[in-house]
Amino acid sequence: MRAYRDRHNHYPVVAFLDIKAAYDTVDRRIIWQSMLASSAPFCLVSLLANLFDDVSVSVLLQNNVSTPFVPSTGVLQGSVLSPHLYSIYSYEASSMLIKKDAVCTT
């Protein structure tokens, strides 16, 4: 790191990501804002937002079904769209880290 600092006159940005449950913690608002900012058609973003934001989930465990709940974060496990949406989210997260005045805490 010190050698990088000496060559580039600033420290590198280092981020460690625990992606074990990554899909569950995605802030979908960041995805929708990013898509709109990159000129994705509003009707497409609206459709995706409805598919992912307006859902009710129940959990089946040992033949018992939980009370339905609305997840506030995350993209759906098993959806063919989720890997792409997660890539948009992770791109935006890395972009926020690179911004000149970014301040990150844990």
N, C-alpha and C. Protein backbone atom coordinates (compact mmCIF):
# COMPACT_ATOMS: atom_id res chain seq x y z
N MET A 1 0.81 -1.18 0.00
CA MET A 1 0.00 0.00 0.00
C MET A 1 0.86 1.25 0.00
N ARG A 2 1.92 1.18 0.75
CA ARG A 2 2.79 2.35 0.82
C ARG A 2 3.41 2.63 -0.55
N ALA A 3 3.82 1.57 -1.27
CA ALA A 3 4.40 1.74 -2.61
C ALA A 3 3.37 2.34 -3.56
N TYR A 4 2.13 1.88 -3.46
CA TYR A 4 1.06 2.44 -4.31
C TYR A 4 0.89 3.92 -3.98
N ARG A 5 0.88 4.24 -2.70
CA ARG A 5 0.73 5.63 -2.26
C ARG A 5 1.84 6.49 -2.81
N ASP A 6 3.07 5.99 -2.77
CA ASP A 6 4.21 6.75 -3.28
C ASP A 6 4.12 6.98 -4.78
N ARG A 7 3.66 5.98 -5.53
CA ARG A 7 3.56 6.12 -6.99
C ARG A 7 2.40 6.99 -7.43
N HIS A 8 1.25 6.90 -6.75
CA HIS A 8 0.04 7.56 -7.22
C HIS A 8 -0.37 8.77 -6.38
N ASN A 9 0.34 9.03 -5.32
CA ASN A 9 0.09 10.18 -4.45
C ASN A 9 -1.27 10.09 -3.73
N HIS A 10 -1.81 8.90 -3.59
CA HIS A 10 -3.01 8.68 -2.77
C HIS A 10 -3.08 7.19 -2.44
N TYR A 11 -3.78 6.89 -1.36
CA TYR A 11 -3.92 5.49 -0.96
C TYR A 11 -4.96 4.79 -1.83
N PRO A 12 -4.78 3.49 -2.04
CA PRO A 12 -5.78 2.75 -2.82
C PRO A 12 -7.06 2.58 -2.00
N VAL A 13 -8.15 2.37 -2.70
CA VAL A 13 -9.41 2.06 -2.04
C VAL A 13 -9.50 0.54 -1.93
N VAL A 14 -9.71 0.08 -0.73
CA VAL A 14 -9.81 -1.36 -0.50
C VAL A 14 -11.15 -1.64 0.16
N ALA A 15 -11.88 -2.58 -0.40
CA ALA A 15 -13.17 -2.95 0.18
C ALA A 15 -13.25 -4.47 0.27
N PHE A 16 -13.71 -4.94 1.39
CA PHE A 16 -13.92 -6.37 1.57
C PHE A 16 -15.42 -6.61 1.62
N LEU A 17 -15.90 -7.46 0.75
CA LEU A 17 -17.33 -7.72 0.65
C LEU A 17 -17.65 -9.12 1.13
N ASP A 18 -18.61 -9.22 2.02
CA ASP A 18 -19.13 -10.52 2.43
C ASP A 18 -20.37 -10.77 1.59
N ILE A 19 -20.23 -11.56 0.53
CA ILE A 19 -21.34 -11.73 -0.40
C ILE A 19 -22.14 -13.00 -0.14
N LYS A 20 -21.95 -13.59 1.02
CA LYS A 20 -22.66 -14.82 1.35
C LYS A 20 -24.18 -14.63 1.27
N ALA A 21 -24.66 -13.54 1.80
CA ALA A 21 -26.10 -13.24 1.75
C ALA A 21 -26.33 -11.94 1.01
N ALA A 22 -25.53 -11.71 -0.04
CA ALA A 22 -25.54 -10.43 -0.74
C ALA A 22 -26.90 -10.07 -1.31
N TYR A 23 -27.58 -11.02 -1.91
CA TYR A 23 -28.88 -10.72 -2.53
C TYR A 23 -29.88 -10.20 -1.50
N ASP A 24 -29.77 -10.66 -0.26
CA ASP A 24 -30.74 -10.29 0.77
C ASP A 24 -30.60 -8.85 1.25
N THR A 25 -29.45 -8.23 1.03
CA THR A 25 -29.19 -6.92 1.62
C THR A 25 -29.17 -5.78 0.60
N VAL A 26 -29.47 -6.07 -0.64
CA VAL A 26 -29.43 -5.05 -1.70
C VAL A 26 -30.50 -3.99 -1.46
N ASP A 27 -30.08 -2.72 -1.54
CA ASP A 27 -31.03 -1.60 -1.50
C ASP A 27 -31.54 -1.41 -2.92
N ARG A 28 -32.74 -1.87 -3.18
CA ARG A 28 -33.26 -1.84 -4.55
C ARG A 28 -33.42 -0.43 -5.09
N ARG A 29 -33.60 0.55 -4.22
CA ARG A 29 -33.73 1.94 -4.69
C ARG A 29 -32.50 2.37 -5.47
N ILE A 30 -31.33 1.89 -5.06
CA ILE A 30 -30.09 2.22 -5.78
C ILE A 30 -30.13 1.65 -7.19
N ILE A 31 -30.67 0.45 -7.34
CA ILE A 31 -30.78 -0.17 -8.67
C ILE A 31 -31.71 0.64 -9.55
N TRP A 32 -32.89 0.98 -9.02
CA TRP A 32 -33.87 1.70 -9.85
C TRP A 32 -33.33 3.08 -10.24
N GLN A 33 -32.68 3.77 -9.30
CA GLN A 33 -32.11 5.09 -9.60
C GLN A 33 -31.01 4.98 -10.64
N SER A 34 -30.18 3.97 -10.53
CA SER A 34 -29.10 3.77 -11.49
C SER A 34 -29.65 3.49 -12.88
N MET A 35 -30.67 2.66 -12.96
CA MET A 35 -31.25 2.35 -14.26
C MET A 35 -31.86 3.59 -14.90
N LEU A 36 -32.56 4.39 -14.11
CA LEU A 36 -33.15 5.61 -14.65
C LEU A 36 -32.07 6.59 -15.08
N ALA A 37 -30.99 6.69 -14.29
CA ALA A 37 -29.89 7.60 -14.64
C ALA A 37 -29.18 7.17 -15.91
N SER A 38 -29.22 5.87 -16.22
CA SER A 38 -28.55 5.40 -17.44
C SER A 38 -29.53 5.30 -18.61
N SER A 39 -30.64 6.01 -18.50
CA SER A 39 -31.63 6.14 -19.58
C SER A 39 -32.40 4.86 -19.88
N ALA A 40 -32.52 3.97 -18.91
CA ALA A 40 -33.40 2.81 -19.10
C ALA A 40 -34.83 3.34 -19.19
N PRO A 41 -35.65 2.75 -20.03
CA PRO A 41 -37.04 3.23 -20.15
C PRO A 41 -37.77 3.18 -18.81
N PHE A 42 -38.48 4.25 -18.50
CA PHE A 42 -39.21 4.32 -17.23
C PHE A 42 -40.15 3.14 -17.06
N CYS A 43 -40.82 2.74 -18.15
CA CYS A 43 -41.78 1.63 -18.05
C CYS A 43 -41.07 0.33 -17.64
N LEU A 44 -39.84 0.12 -18.09
CA LEU A 44 -39.09 -1.07 -17.70
C LEU A 44 -38.71 -1.01 -16.22
N VAL A 45 -38.19 0.14 -15.79
CA VAL A 45 -37.79 0.29 -14.39
C VAL A 45 -39.02 0.15 -13.49
N SER A 46 -40.13 0.73 -13.90
CA SER A 46 -41.36 0.63 -13.13
C SER A 46 -41.84 -0.82 -13.04
N LEU A 47 -41.77 -1.54 -14.13
CA LEU A 47 -42.16 -2.95 -14.14
C LEU A 47 -41.28 -3.76 -13.19
N LEU A 48 -39.97 -3.57 -13.28
CA LEU A 48 -39.05 -4.31 -12.40
C LEU A 48 -39.27 -3.94 -10.94
N ALA A 49 -39.48 -2.64 -10.69
CA ALA A 49 -39.73 -2.20 -9.31
C ALA A 49 -40.99 -2.87 -8.77
N ASN A 50 -42.02 -2.95 -9.59
CA ASN A 50 -43.24 -3.62 -9.14
C ASN A 50 -43.01 -5.11 -8.89
N LEU A 51 -42.23 -5.75 -9.75
CA LEU A 51 -41.95 -7.18 -9.57
C LEU A 51 -41.18 -7.46 -8.28
N PHE A 52 -40.26 -6.56 -7.93
CA PHE A 52 -39.40 -6.81 -6.78
C PHE A 52 -39.87 -6.10 -5.51
N ASP A 53 -40.55 -4.96 -5.64
CA ASP A 53 -40.95 -4.20 -4.46
C ASP A 53 -42.33 -4.60 -3.94
N ASP A 54 -43.20 -5.01 -4.82
CA ASP A 54 -44.57 -5.33 -4.41
C ASP A 54 -44.76 -6.85 -4.30
N VAL A 55 -43.99 -7.46 -3.43
CA VAL A 55 -44.09 -8.91 -3.23
C VAL A 55 -44.38 -9.21 -1.76
N SER A 56 -44.97 -10.34 -1.55
CA SER A 56 -45.22 -10.85 -0.22
C SER A 56 -44.57 -12.23 -0.15
N VAL A 57 -43.86 -12.50 0.92
CA VAL A 57 -43.08 -13.73 1.03
C VAL A 57 -43.54 -14.52 2.26
N SER A 58 -43.62 -15.82 2.10
CA SER A 58 -43.86 -16.73 3.22
C SER A 58 -42.73 -17.75 3.23
N VAL A 59 -42.42 -18.24 4.40
CA VAL A 59 -41.35 -19.23 4.54
C VAL A 59 -41.97 -20.55 4.96
N LEU A 60 -41.58 -21.62 4.28
CA LEU A 60 -42.04 -22.97 4.61
C LEU A 60 -40.91 -23.68 5.34
N LEU A 61 -41.16 -24.08 6.58
CA LEU A 61 -40.14 -24.76 7.38
C LEU A 61 -40.81 -25.89 8.14
N GLN A 62 -40.40 -27.11 7.86
CA GLN A 62 -40.93 -28.31 8.52
C GLN A 62 -42.47 -28.34 8.45
N ASN A 63 -42.99 -28.14 7.24
CA ASN A 63 -44.43 -28.16 6.98
C ASN A 63 -45.22 -27.05 7.67
N ASN A 64 -44.55 -26.03 8.17
CA ASN A 64 -45.21 -24.86 8.75
C ASN A 64 -44.94 -23.66 7.87
N VAL A 65 -45.99 -22.91 7.55
CA VAL A 65 -45.86 -21.72 6.71
C VAL A 65 -45.93 -20.48 7.58
N SER A 66 -44.96 -19.60 7.42
CA SER A 66 -44.92 -18.37 8.21
C SER A 66 -46.01 -17.40 7.75
N THR A 67 -46.24 -16.40 8.56
CA THR A 67 -47.11 -15.30 8.17
C THR A 67 -46.43 -14.55 7.04
N PRO A 68 -47.16 -14.19 5.99
CA PRO A 68 -46.54 -13.45 4.88
C PRO A 68 -45.96 -12.11 5.35
N PHE A 69 -44.83 -11.74 4.77
CA PHE A 69 -44.22 -10.44 5.07
C PHE A 69 -43.69 -9.84 3.78
N VAL A 70 -43.47 -8.53 3.80
CA VAL A 70 -42.95 -7.81 2.64
C VAL A 70 -41.49 -7.48 2.91
N PRO A 71 -40.56 -8.08 2.16
CA PRO A 71 -39.14 -7.77 2.37
C PRO A 71 -38.82 -6.35 1.93
N SER A 72 -38.09 -5.61 2.78
CA SER A 72 -37.77 -4.22 2.45
C SER A 72 -36.47 -4.08 1.66
N THR A 73 -35.66 -5.11 1.66
CA THR A 73 -34.40 -5.08 0.90
C THR A 73 -34.24 -6.39 0.15
N GLY A 74 -33.28 -6.40 -0.75
CA GLY A 74 -32.91 -7.64 -1.42
C GLY A 74 -33.53 -7.82 -2.78
N VAL A 75 -32.93 -8.74 -3.53
CA VAL A 75 -33.49 -9.19 -4.80
C VAL A 75 -33.85 -10.65 -4.63
N LEU A 76 -34.80 -11.11 -5.40
CA LEU A 76 -35.36 -12.44 -5.20
C LEU A 76 -34.37 -13.55 -5.52
N GLN A 77 -34.22 -14.47 -4.58
CA GLN A 77 -33.38 -15.65 -4.81
C GLN A 77 -34.02 -16.49 -5.91
N GLY A 78 -33.23 -16.93 -6.85
CA GLY A 78 -33.75 -17.80 -7.90
C GLY A 78 -34.30 -17.08 -9.11
N SER A 79 -34.45 -15.77 -9.05
CA SER A 79 -34.94 -15.03 -10.22
C SER A 79 -33.81 -14.90 -11.24
N VAL A 80 -34.14 -15.10 -12.51
CA VAL A 80 -33.11 -14.96 -13.54
C VAL A 80 -32.65 -13.51 -13.67
N LEU A 81 -33.44 -12.56 -13.15
CA LEU A 81 -33.07 -11.15 -13.21
C LEU A 81 -32.10 -10.75 -12.09
N SER A 82 -32.11 -11.48 -10.99
CA SER A 82 -31.35 -11.08 -9.81
C SER A 82 -29.85 -10.94 -10.03
N PRO A 83 -29.17 -11.83 -10.76
CA PRO A 83 -27.73 -11.62 -10.97
C PRO A 83 -27.43 -10.31 -11.69
N HIS A 84 -28.24 -9.97 -12.69
CA HIS A 84 -28.01 -8.72 -13.41
C HIS A 84 -28.30 -7.52 -12.51
N LEU A 85 -29.39 -7.57 -11.77
CA LEU A 85 -29.72 -6.47 -10.87
C LEU A 85 -28.64 -6.32 -9.79
N TYR A 86 -28.12 -7.44 -9.30
CA TYR A 86 -27.05 -7.36 -8.31
C TYR A 86 -25.79 -6.75 -8.91
N SER A 87 -25.52 -7.03 -10.18
CA SER A 87 -24.34 -6.43 -10.81
C SER A 87 -24.50 -4.92 -10.94
N ILE A 88 -25.71 -4.44 -11.20
CA ILE A 88 -25.96 -2.99 -11.23
C ILE A 88 -25.70 -2.41 -9.85
N TYR A 89 -26.21 -3.08 -8.83
CA TYR A 89 -26.03 -2.61 -7.46
C TYR A 89 -24.55 -2.58 -7.07
N SER A 90 -23.81 -3.64 -7.37
CA SER A 90 -22.40 -3.69 -6.98
C SER A 90 -21.58 -2.67 -7.76
N TYR A 91 -21.95 -2.41 -9.01
CA TYR A 91 -21.26 -1.36 -9.79
C TYR A 91 -21.47 0.00 -9.12
N GLU A 92 -22.70 0.28 -8.72
CA GLU A 92 -22.99 1.55 -8.06
C GLU A 92 -22.26 1.65 -6.73
N ALA A 93 -22.20 0.56 -5.99
CA ALA A 93 -21.49 0.57 -4.71
C ALA A 93 -20.01 0.87 -4.92
N SER A 94 -19.40 0.25 -5.93
CA SER A 94 -17.98 0.52 -6.19
C SER A 94 -17.78 1.94 -6.69
N SER A 95 -18.73 2.46 -7.46
CA SER A 95 -18.63 3.84 -7.93
C SER A 95 -18.65 4.81 -6.76
N MET A 96 -19.48 4.51 -5.75
CA MET A 96 -19.54 5.37 -4.57
C MET A 96 -18.22 5.35 -3.81
N LEU A 97 -17.54 4.20 -3.81
CA LEU A 97 -16.26 4.10 -3.11
C LEU A 97 -15.17 4.90 -3.81
N ILE A 98 -15.26 5.01 -5.13
CA ILE A 98 -14.19 5.68 -5.88
C ILE A 98 -14.35 7.19 -5.89
N LYS A 99 -15.54 7.68 -5.60
CA LYS A 99 -15.76 9.12 -5.63
C LYS A 99 -14.75 9.81 -4.71
N LYS A 100 -14.30 10.93 -5.16
CA LYS A 100 -13.20 11.64 -4.49
C LYS A 100 -13.45 11.87 -3.01
N ASP A 101 -14.63 12.32 -2.65
CA ASP A 101 -14.89 12.69 -1.26
C ASP A 101 -15.67 11.63 -0.49
N ALA A 102 -15.62 10.39 -0.97
CA ALA A 102 -16.38 9.33 -0.30
C ALA A 102 -15.80 9.05 1.08
N VAL A 103 -16.68 8.90 2.03
CA VAL A 103 -16.29 8.53 3.38
C VAL A 103 -17.09 7.28 3.73
N CYS A 104 -16.39 6.23 4.10
CA CYS A 104 -17.06 4.96 4.40
C CYS A 104 -16.78 4.57 5.84
N THR A 105 -17.78 3.98 6.47
CA THR A 105 -17.60 3.45 7.81
C THR A 105 -18.18 2.06 7.85
N THR A 106 -17.86 1.33 8.89
CA THR A 106 -18.42 -0.02 9.02
C THR A 106 -19.52 -0.02 10.05
